[in-house]
Amino acid sequence: MRESMACGSGGGALLRRMRETDLEQVAELERLCFSESWSRRILEAGLHSAYDIFYVWEQEGEIFAYCNLRLLAGEGEIERIAVRPDRRRLGLGRKLMEAMEKAASDYRASAISLEVRESNLAARRLYESCGFAAEGVRKGYYHNPFEDAVIMWKRQDQTGITT
């Protein structure tokens, strides 16, 4: 994927690779979106990892969403996807999912997985609409509050068609 691409929302909206200068805003987004947020230090380490790709959705210098895809051993794992609460239901999550799927395809990943809180029905519906299917549960995976994680996968068959 190119370094950045303009999004159809106007107003200077841009989906692009995350940069070091974004770390403070992304760390704040983490605190807003997750009860167990990643620290700036974890984000910075991931940004410099050979296995991780981070994207941000930015408009007029402000980051409203970000995601992280880990590519390893021929598979992708969506580690994070966060959209600022006041910007949800505007299609930003889908744009991030599309960017990660494109990156996984470019990497020739045979499958992509993710974990999602069992109670996060909006996210689960988004993932299902992107072709992911629930294949398992990790009991007690989340804390604060304690909750199971649904494991979802999107796989390619031998013909290259995703199922």
N, C-alpha and C. Protein backbone atom coordinates (compact mmCIF):
# COMPACT_ATOMS: atom_id res chain seq x y z
N MET A 1 0.85 -1.18 0.00
CA MET A 1 0.00 0.00 0.00
C MET A 1 0.88 1.23 0.00
N ARG A 2 0.41 2.23 -0.72
CA ARG A 2 1.15 3.49 -0.71
C ARG A 2 1.23 4.02 0.71
N GLU A 3 2.14 4.95 0.91
CA GLU A 3 2.33 5.57 2.23
C GLU A 3 1.03 6.19 2.74
N SER A 4 0.23 6.79 1.83
CA SER A 4 -1.03 7.39 2.25
C SER A 4 -1.99 7.42 1.09
N MET A 5 -3.28 7.55 1.42
CA MET A 5 -4.30 7.71 0.39
C MET A 5 -5.39 8.62 0.92
N ALA A 6 -5.88 9.49 0.05
CA ALA A 6 -6.96 10.39 0.43
C ALA A 6 -8.23 9.59 0.59
N CYS A 7 -9.05 9.98 1.55
CA CYS A 7 -10.33 9.33 1.78
C CYS A 7 -11.44 10.24 1.28
N GLY A 8 -12.56 9.65 0.96
CA GLY A 8 -13.66 10.38 0.35
C GLY A 8 -14.42 11.32 1.27
N SER A 9 -14.00 11.51 2.49
CA SER A 9 -14.76 12.33 3.43
C SER A 9 -14.49 13.81 3.29
N GLY A 10 -13.54 14.20 2.47
CA GLY A 10 -13.22 15.61 2.31
C GLY A 10 -12.49 16.15 3.53
N GLY A 11 -12.29 17.45 3.55
CA GLY A 11 -11.68 18.10 4.70
C GLY A 11 -10.28 17.61 5.02
N GLY A 12 -9.53 17.17 4.00
CA GLY A 12 -8.17 16.73 4.24
C GLY A 12 -8.07 15.38 4.93
N ALA A 13 -9.07 14.52 4.79
CA ALA A 13 -9.05 13.19 5.41
C ALA A 13 -8.02 12.32 4.71
N LEU A 14 -7.27 11.57 5.51
CA LEU A 14 -6.17 10.79 4.98
C LEU A 14 -5.99 9.50 5.78
N LEU A 15 -5.91 8.38 5.08
CA LEU A 15 -5.53 7.11 5.67
C LEU A 15 -4.08 6.88 5.31
N ARG A 16 -3.22 6.72 6.31
CA ARG A 16 -1.78 6.61 6.03
C ARG A 16 -1.09 5.75 7.08
N ARG A 17 0.15 5.40 6.77
CA ARG A 17 0.97 4.68 7.74
C ARG A 17 1.26 5.58 8.93
N MET A 18 1.28 5.00 10.10
CA MET A 18 1.56 5.75 11.31
C MET A 18 3.04 6.15 11.35
N ARG A 19 3.29 7.33 11.91
CA ARG A 19 4.66 7.83 12.07
C ARG A 19 4.94 8.05 13.55
N GLU A 20 6.19 8.20 13.87
CA GLU A 20 6.58 8.43 15.26
C GLU A 20 5.93 9.69 15.84
N THR A 21 5.72 10.68 15.01
CA THR A 21 5.10 11.92 15.48
C THR A 21 3.63 11.73 15.87
N ASP A 22 3.05 10.59 15.54
CA ASP A 22 1.65 10.29 15.87
C ASP A 22 1.49 9.61 17.23
N LEU A 23 2.59 9.22 17.86
CA LEU A 23 2.51 8.38 19.04
C LEU A 23 1.68 8.97 20.17
N GLU A 24 1.80 10.25 20.43
CA GLU A 24 1.04 10.85 21.53
C GLU A 24 -0.47 10.78 21.27
N GLN A 25 -0.88 11.13 20.06
CA GLN A 25 -2.31 11.09 19.73
C GLN A 25 -2.85 9.66 19.75
N VAL A 26 -2.05 8.72 19.25
CA VAL A 26 -2.49 7.32 19.23
C VAL A 26 -2.56 6.76 20.65
N ALA A 27 -1.62 7.12 21.49
CA ALA A 27 -1.67 6.68 22.90
C ALA A 27 -2.92 7.23 23.59
N GLU A 28 -3.29 8.45 23.28
CA GLU A 28 -4.52 9.02 23.84
C GLU A 28 -5.75 8.29 23.31
N LEU A 29 -5.74 7.94 22.04
CA LEU A 29 -6.83 7.16 21.44
C LEU A 29 -6.94 5.80 22.13
N GLU A 30 -5.81 5.19 22.43
CA GLU A 30 -5.80 3.92 23.18
C GLU A 30 -6.53 4.09 24.52
N ARG A 31 -6.20 5.15 25.25
CA ARG A 31 -6.81 5.38 26.56
C ARG A 31 -8.33 5.59 26.44
N LEU A 32 -8.75 6.25 25.37
CA LEU A 32 -10.18 6.48 25.16
C LEU A 32 -10.94 5.21 24.80
N CYS A 33 -10.29 4.29 24.08
CA CYS A 33 -10.99 3.16 23.48
C CYS A 33 -10.86 1.83 24.21
N PHE A 34 -9.82 1.66 25.01
CA PHE A 34 -9.57 0.35 25.61
C PHE A 34 -9.41 0.45 27.12
N SER A 35 -10.02 -0.49 27.84
CA SER A 35 -9.85 -0.52 29.30
C SER A 35 -8.45 -1.00 29.67
N GLU A 36 -7.82 -1.74 28.77
CA GLU A 36 -6.43 -2.19 28.96
C GLU A 36 -5.62 -1.62 27.80
N SER A 37 -5.30 -0.34 27.90
CA SER A 37 -4.67 0.36 26.79
C SER A 37 -3.18 0.07 26.70
N TRP A 38 -2.69 0.15 25.47
CA TRP A 38 -1.25 0.04 25.24
C TRP A 38 -0.61 1.38 25.59
N SER A 39 0.56 1.30 26.15
CA SER A 39 1.31 2.51 26.49
C SER A 39 2.00 3.08 25.25
N ARG A 40 2.46 4.30 25.36
CA ARG A 40 3.22 4.93 24.28
C ARG A 40 4.44 4.07 23.96
N ARG A 41 5.05 3.51 24.97
CA ARG A 41 6.25 2.69 24.79
C ARG A 41 5.95 1.42 23.97
N ILE A 42 4.83 0.77 24.25
CA ILE A 42 4.43 -0.41 23.48
C ILE A 42 4.15 -0.02 22.04
N LEU A 43 3.45 1.09 21.84
CA LEU A 43 3.15 1.57 20.49
C LEU A 43 4.43 1.87 19.72
N GLU A 44 5.37 2.52 20.38
CA GLU A 44 6.64 2.86 19.73
C GLU A 44 7.41 1.60 19.35
N ALA A 45 7.44 0.61 20.23
CA ALA A 45 8.13 -0.65 19.91
C ALA A 45 7.48 -1.32 18.70
N GLY A 46 6.15 -1.32 18.66
CA GLY A 46 5.45 -1.91 17.53
C GLY A 46 5.72 -1.17 16.24
N LEU A 47 5.80 0.13 16.32
CA LEU A 47 6.06 0.95 15.15
C LEU A 47 7.41 0.60 14.52
N HIS A 48 8.36 0.18 15.33
CA HIS A 48 9.69 -0.17 14.83
C HIS A 48 9.86 -1.67 14.59
N SER A 49 8.82 -2.45 14.81
CA SER A 49 8.88 -3.89 14.60
C SER A 49 8.80 -4.21 13.10
N ALA A 50 9.56 -5.19 12.68
CA ALA A 50 9.53 -5.63 11.29
C ALA A 50 8.24 -6.38 10.97
N TYR A 51 7.49 -6.79 11.99
CA TYR A 51 6.30 -7.61 11.80
C TYR A 51 4.99 -6.82 11.83
N ASP A 52 5.04 -5.57 12.25
CA ASP A 52 3.83 -4.80 12.47
C ASP A 52 3.66 -3.67 11.47
N ILE A 53 2.41 -3.45 11.08
CA ILE A 53 2.03 -2.33 10.24
C ILE A 53 0.96 -1.56 11.00
N PHE A 54 1.14 -0.26 11.11
CA PHE A 54 0.17 0.61 11.77
C PHE A 54 -0.35 1.62 10.75
N TYR A 55 -1.65 1.85 10.78
CA TYR A 55 -2.28 2.89 9.97
C TYR A 55 -3.03 3.84 10.89
N VAL A 56 -3.12 5.10 10.47
CA VAL A 56 -3.95 6.08 11.16
C VAL A 56 -4.91 6.70 10.15
N TRP A 57 -6.05 7.17 10.65
CA TRP A 57 -6.98 7.95 9.86
C TRP A 57 -6.94 9.35 10.45
N GLU A 58 -6.49 10.27 9.65
CA GLU A 58 -6.22 11.63 10.10
C GLU A 58 -7.05 12.62 9.30
N GLN A 59 -7.48 13.67 9.98
CA GLN A 59 -8.15 14.77 9.30
C GLN A 59 -7.69 16.06 9.94
N GLU A 60 -7.15 16.95 9.11
CA GLU A 60 -6.67 18.25 9.55
C GLU A 60 -5.74 18.14 10.76
N GLY A 61 -4.83 17.16 10.69
CA GLY A 61 -3.81 16.99 11.73
C GLY A 61 -4.26 16.24 12.96
N GLU A 62 -5.53 15.84 13.02
CA GLU A 62 -6.04 15.12 14.18
C GLU A 62 -6.31 13.66 13.82
N ILE A 63 -5.85 12.75 14.65
CA ILE A 63 -6.03 11.32 14.40
C ILE A 63 -7.31 10.86 15.09
N PHE A 64 -8.20 10.29 14.29
CA PHE A 64 -9.49 9.83 14.79
C PHE A 64 -9.58 8.31 14.89
N ALA A 65 -8.65 7.59 14.26
CA ALA A 65 -8.69 6.13 14.27
C ALA A 65 -7.31 5.59 13.95
N TYR A 66 -7.06 4.38 14.43
CA TYR A 66 -5.81 3.72 14.08
C TYR A 66 -5.99 2.22 14.16
N CYS A 67 -5.05 1.49 13.55
CA CYS A 67 -5.07 0.03 13.61
C CYS A 67 -3.66 -0.52 13.52
N ASN A 68 -3.55 -1.78 13.92
CA ASN A 68 -2.27 -2.49 13.89
C ASN A 68 -2.50 -3.89 13.37
N LEU A 69 -1.72 -4.27 12.37
CA LEU A 69 -1.73 -5.62 11.79
C LEU A 69 -0.35 -6.21 11.98
N ARG A 70 -0.29 -7.42 12.53
CA ARG A 70 0.97 -8.15 12.66
C ARG A 70 1.00 -9.21 11.57
N LEU A 71 2.10 -9.25 10.81
CA LEU A 71 2.29 -10.22 9.73
C LEU A 71 3.46 -11.13 10.10
N LEU A 72 3.16 -12.43 10.20
CA LEU A 72 4.16 -13.37 10.67
C LEU A 72 3.80 -14.77 10.19
N ALA A 73 4.77 -15.50 9.69
CA ALA A 73 4.61 -16.91 9.31
C ALA A 73 3.45 -17.13 8.33
N GLY A 74 3.29 -16.21 7.38
CA GLY A 74 2.28 -16.38 6.35
C GLY A 74 0.86 -16.05 6.77
N GLU A 75 0.69 -15.47 7.96
CA GLU A 75 -0.63 -15.09 8.44
C GLU A 75 -0.60 -13.66 8.98
N GLY A 76 -1.78 -13.08 9.05
CA GLY A 76 -1.92 -11.77 9.65
C GLY A 76 -2.76 -11.86 10.91
N GLU A 77 -2.48 -10.99 11.86
CA GLU A 77 -3.31 -10.89 13.05
C GLU A 77 -3.62 -9.42 13.29
N ILE A 78 -4.90 -9.10 13.33
CA ILE A 78 -5.31 -7.75 13.66
C ILE A 78 -5.19 -7.61 15.17
N GLU A 79 -4.22 -6.81 15.59
CA GLU A 79 -3.95 -6.65 17.01
C GLU A 79 -4.77 -5.54 17.63
N ARG A 80 -5.00 -4.48 16.87
CA ARG A 80 -5.72 -3.32 17.38
C ARG A 80 -6.49 -2.66 16.26
N ILE A 81 -7.67 -2.16 16.61
CA ILE A 81 -8.42 -1.27 15.74
C ILE A 81 -9.21 -0.37 16.68
N ALA A 82 -9.02 0.92 16.56
CA ALA A 82 -9.65 1.87 17.48
C ALA A 82 -10.16 3.08 16.70
N VAL A 83 -11.38 3.46 17.01
CA VAL A 83 -11.98 4.66 16.43
C VAL A 83 -12.48 5.51 17.59
N ARG A 84 -12.14 6.78 17.55
CA ARG A 84 -12.57 7.68 18.62
C ARG A 84 -14.09 7.59 18.77
N PRO A 85 -14.57 7.49 20.00
CA PRO A 85 -16.01 7.28 20.22
C PRO A 85 -16.93 8.26 19.47
N ASP A 86 -16.56 9.52 19.36
CA ASP A 86 -17.42 10.48 18.67
C ASP A 86 -17.32 10.40 17.14
N ARG A 87 -16.48 9.47 16.63
CA ARG A 87 -16.33 9.29 15.18
C ARG A 87 -16.74 7.88 14.74
N ARG A 88 -17.38 7.15 15.61
CA ARG A 88 -17.82 5.80 15.26
C ARG A 88 -19.06 5.85 14.37
N ARG A 89 -19.29 4.76 13.65
CA ARG A 89 -20.43 4.59 12.75
C ARG A 89 -20.36 5.53 11.55
N LEU A 90 -19.13 5.91 11.18
CA LEU A 90 -18.92 6.75 10.00
C LEU A 90 -18.13 6.02 8.91
N GLY A 91 -17.84 4.74 9.14
CA GLY A 91 -17.12 3.94 8.16
C GLY A 91 -15.61 3.92 8.34
N LEU A 92 -15.09 4.55 9.40
CA LEU A 92 -13.64 4.57 9.59
C LEU A 92 -13.10 3.18 9.91
N GLY A 93 -13.82 2.43 10.72
CA GLY A 93 -13.39 1.06 11.03
C GLY A 93 -13.28 0.21 9.78
N ARG A 94 -14.24 0.35 8.89
CA ARG A 94 -14.21 -0.40 7.63
C ARG A 94 -13.01 0.01 6.78
N LYS A 95 -12.72 1.31 6.71
CA LYS A 95 -11.55 1.78 5.95
C LYS A 95 -10.26 1.17 6.50
N LEU A 96 -10.16 1.11 7.83
CA LEU A 96 -8.98 0.51 8.46
C LEU A 96 -8.91 -0.98 8.15
N MET A 97 -10.05 -1.66 8.23
CA MET A 97 -10.08 -3.10 7.91
C MET A 97 -9.62 -3.33 6.47
N GLU A 98 -10.11 -2.52 5.55
CA GLU A 98 -9.72 -2.66 4.14
C GLU A 98 -8.22 -2.45 3.96
N ALA A 99 -7.66 -1.48 4.65
CA ALA A 99 -6.22 -1.23 4.55
C ALA A 99 -5.42 -2.42 5.08
N MET A 100 -5.87 -2.99 6.20
CA MET A 100 -5.15 -4.14 6.76
C MET A 100 -5.30 -5.37 5.87
N GLU A 101 -6.48 -5.57 5.30
CA GLU A 101 -6.67 -6.71 4.39
C GLU A 101 -5.79 -6.56 3.15
N LYS A 102 -5.67 -5.34 2.64
CA LYS A 102 -4.80 -5.09 1.48
C LYS A 102 -3.35 -5.39 1.84
N ALA A 103 -2.91 -4.95 3.02
CA ALA A 103 -1.53 -5.21 3.45
C ALA A 103 -1.30 -6.71 3.60
N ALA A 104 -2.26 -7.41 4.17
CA ALA A 104 -2.13 -8.87 4.33
C ALA A 104 -2.07 -9.56 2.97
N SER A 105 -2.88 -9.09 2.03
CA SER A 105 -2.87 -9.65 0.68
C SER A 105 -1.52 -9.40 0.00
N ASP A 106 -1.00 -8.18 0.14
CA ASP A 106 0.31 -7.86 -0.43
C ASP A 106 1.40 -8.75 0.16
N TYR A 107 1.26 -9.10 1.43
CA TYR A 107 2.20 -9.98 2.13
C TYR A 107 1.97 -11.44 1.75
N ARG A 108 0.87 -11.71 1.07
CA ARG A 108 0.45 -13.04 0.67
C ARG A 108 0.07 -13.91 1.88
N ALA A 109 -0.53 -13.26 2.86
CA ALA A 109 -1.01 -13.99 4.04
C ALA A 109 -2.15 -14.91 3.63
N SER A 110 -2.14 -16.13 4.12
CA SER A 110 -3.19 -17.09 3.80
C SER A 110 -4.42 -16.91 4.68
N ALA A 111 -4.28 -16.17 5.77
CA ALA A 111 -5.40 -15.97 6.69
C ALA A 111 -5.12 -14.76 7.57
N ILE A 112 -6.20 -14.20 8.11
CA ILE A 112 -6.10 -13.10 9.08
C ILE A 112 -6.98 -13.48 10.27
N SER A 113 -6.47 -13.26 11.47
CA SER A 113 -7.27 -13.54 12.67
C SER A 113 -7.36 -12.29 13.53
N LEU A 114 -8.28 -12.35 14.49
CA LEU A 114 -8.41 -11.28 15.47
C LEU A 114 -9.17 -11.83 16.67
N GLU A 115 -9.07 -11.14 17.79
CA GLU A 115 -9.89 -11.42 18.96
C GLU A 115 -10.74 -10.20 19.24
N VAL A 116 -11.96 -10.44 19.71
CA VAL A 116 -12.88 -9.35 20.01
C VAL A 116 -13.68 -9.73 21.26
N ARG A 117 -13.95 -8.73 22.08
CA ARG A 117 -14.79 -8.98 23.26
C ARG A 117 -16.12 -9.59 22.83
N GLU A 118 -16.55 -10.60 23.56
CA GLU A 118 -17.81 -11.27 23.25
C GLU A 118 -18.98 -10.27 23.21
N SER A 119 -18.96 -9.28 24.08
CA SER A 119 -20.07 -8.31 24.15
C SER A 119 -19.98 -7.18 23.12
N ASN A 120 -18.89 -7.09 22.37
CA ASN A 120 -18.71 -5.99 21.42
C ASN A 120 -19.41 -6.34 20.10
N LEU A 121 -20.73 -6.25 20.12
CA LEU A 121 -21.53 -6.68 18.98
C LEU A 121 -21.31 -5.81 17.75
N ALA A 122 -21.10 -4.52 17.93
CA ALA A 122 -20.85 -3.64 16.78
C ALA A 122 -19.58 -4.06 16.04
N ALA A 123 -18.51 -4.31 16.78
CA ALA A 123 -17.26 -4.74 16.16
C ALA A 123 -17.43 -6.12 15.51
N ARG A 124 -18.11 -7.01 16.19
CA ARG A 124 -18.31 -8.35 15.62
C ARG A 124 -19.09 -8.28 14.31
N ARG A 125 -20.11 -7.42 14.25
CA ARG A 125 -20.87 -7.25 13.01
C ARG A 125 -19.98 -6.69 11.89
N LEU A 126 -19.12 -5.72 12.23
CA LEU A 126 -18.19 -5.19 11.23
C LEU A 126 -17.30 -6.30 10.70
N TYR A 127 -16.71 -7.08 11.60
CA TYR A 127 -15.79 -8.14 11.17
C TYR A 127 -16.52 -9.19 10.32
N GLU A 128 -17.72 -9.55 10.72
CA GLU A 128 -18.51 -10.51 9.93
C GLU A 128 -18.81 -9.94 8.55
N SER A 129 -19.13 -8.65 8.47
CA SER A 129 -19.41 -8.04 7.17
C SER A 129 -18.17 -7.97 6.29
N CYS A 130 -17.00 -8.07 6.90
CA CYS A 130 -15.73 -8.10 6.16
C CYS A 130 -15.30 -9.52 5.84
N GLY A 131 -16.14 -10.51 6.17
CA GLY A 131 -15.85 -11.89 5.81
C GLY A 131 -15.21 -12.73 6.90
N PHE A 132 -15.11 -12.22 8.11
CA PHE A 132 -14.55 -12.98 9.22
C PHE A 132 -15.63 -13.86 9.83
N ALA A 133 -15.22 -15.03 10.33
CA ALA A 133 -16.14 -15.95 10.98
C ALA A 133 -15.58 -16.35 12.34
N ALA A 134 -16.48 -16.47 13.31
CA ALA A 134 -16.08 -16.90 14.65
C ALA A 134 -15.68 -18.37 14.60
N GLU A 135 -14.51 -18.70 15.16
CA GLU A 135 -14.03 -20.08 15.14
C GLU A 135 -13.65 -20.59 16.52
N GLY A 136 -13.68 -19.74 17.53
CA GLY A 136 -13.32 -20.21 18.86
C GLY A 136 -13.51 -19.13 19.90
N VAL A 137 -13.23 -19.50 21.13
CA VAL A 137 -13.36 -18.58 22.26
C VAL A 137 -12.14 -18.73 23.16
N ARG A 138 -11.59 -17.63 23.60
CA ARG A 138 -10.54 -17.63 24.63
C ARG A 138 -11.23 -17.22 25.93
N LYS A 139 -11.37 -18.19 26.83
CA LYS A 139 -12.05 -17.95 28.11
C LYS A 139 -11.25 -16.98 28.97
N GLY A 140 -11.93 -15.98 29.52
CA GLY A 140 -11.30 -15.05 30.44
C GLY A 140 -10.15 -14.25 29.86
N TYR A 141 -10.15 -14.03 28.56
CA TYR A 141 -9.04 -13.35 27.88
C TYR A 141 -8.92 -11.89 28.32
N TYR A 142 -10.05 -11.23 28.47
CA TYR A 142 -10.05 -9.81 28.83
C TYR A 142 -10.27 -9.64 30.33
N HIS A 143 -9.72 -8.57 30.85
CA HIS A 143 -9.93 -8.16 32.24
C HIS A 143 -10.43 -6.72 32.21
N ASN A 144 -11.02 -6.30 33.30
CA ASN A 144 -11.42 -4.89 33.44
C ASN A 144 -12.38 -4.44 32.34
N PRO A 145 -13.54 -5.02 32.15
CA PRO A 145 -14.09 -6.14 32.92
C PRO A 145 -13.68 -7.50 32.35
N PHE A 146 -13.79 -8.49 33.20
CA PHE A 146 -13.48 -9.87 32.85
C PHE A 146 -14.45 -10.35 31.77
N GLU A 147 -13.91 -10.89 30.68
CA GLU A 147 -14.78 -11.33 29.58
C GLU A 147 -14.03 -12.26 28.65
N ASP A 148 -14.78 -13.11 27.97
CA ASP A 148 -14.21 -14.01 26.97
C ASP A 148 -13.95 -13.24 25.67
N ALA A 149 -13.01 -13.76 24.88
CA ALA A 149 -12.73 -13.23 23.55
C ALA A 149 -13.23 -14.21 22.51
N VAL A 150 -13.88 -13.69 21.50
CA VAL A 150 -14.26 -14.50 20.34
C VAL A 150 -13.11 -14.42 19.35
N ILE A 151 -12.63 -15.57 18.90
CA ILE A 151 -11.55 -15.63 17.91
C ILE A 151 -12.20 -15.73 16.53
N MET A 152 -11.84 -14.81 15.67
CA MET A 152 -12.42 -14.77 14.32
C MET A 152 -11.31 -14.90 13.29
N TRP A 153 -11.63 -15.57 12.18
CA TRP A 153 -10.68 -15.79 11.11
C TRP A 153 -11.30 -15.44 9.77
N LYS A 154 -10.44 -15.00 8.87
CA LYS A 154 -10.78 -14.88 7.45
C LYS A 154 -9.67 -15.62 6.73
N ARG A 155 -10.04 -16.65 5.97
CA ARG A 155 -9.05 -17.53 5.34
C ARG A 155 -9.20 -17.50 3.82
N GLN A 156 -8.12 -17.90 3.15
CA GLN A 156 -8.17 -18.09 1.70
C GLN A 156 -8.16 -19.58 1.41
N ASP A 157 -8.97 -19.98 0.42
CA ASP A 157 -8.90 -21.38 -0.01
C ASP A 157 -7.84 -21.50 -1.11
N GLN A 158 -7.70 -22.65 -1.68
CA GLN A 158 -6.66 -22.92 -2.68
C GLN A 158 -6.79 -22.05 -3.92
N THR A 159 -7.99 -21.58 -4.22
CA THR A 159 -8.20 -20.78 -5.43
C THR A 159 -7.90 -19.30 -5.20
N GLY A 160 -7.60 -18.93 -3.95
CA GLY A 160 -7.34 -17.53 -3.66
C GLY A 160 -8.60 -16.75 -3.29
N ILE A 161 -9.75 -17.43 -3.24
CA ILE A 161 -11.00 -16.79 -2.86
C ILE A 161 -11.11 -16.85 -1.34
N THR A 162 -11.41 -15.71 -0.73
CA THR A 162 -11.53 -15.71 0.72
C THR A 162 -12.86 -16.31 1.14
N THR A 163 -12.81 -17.02 2.26
CA THR A 163 -14.02 -17.66 2.77
C THR A 163 -14.23 -17.28 4.22
